[in-house]
């Protein structure tokens, strides 16, 4: 990160490398999704990828417009926290749907068993 604030460094190159590395990290996570449990593989990946790419582009643009070290570090941290939050939100919503379906199945089995007796 200190490289970004040096006068000899080309800020466009440094910021591009930073956000390129972040993008490669998210590509690696996306590729590794196939190793997850099946209940985590059924999330809407395109929606999540859209949010991640959008936030990366916005952070990249803000960092290019004001290439001071503080702004670049702040933007990259906010982008990382936002993307992690979106991932957790999507997984949490999926788990809530699974829990609701299971509750309905348990209720249906209970009602069916009470009618049989």
Foldseek 3Di string as FASTA:
>chain_A
DVLLADPVHDNLVVLCVVLVVVVVVVVVVVVCLVVDDVLLNPFPVVVLVVLLVVLSVVLSVQCVVPVHPVSNVVSVVVSVVVSVVVSVVRSVVSVVVVVVVVVVVVVVVVVVVVVVD
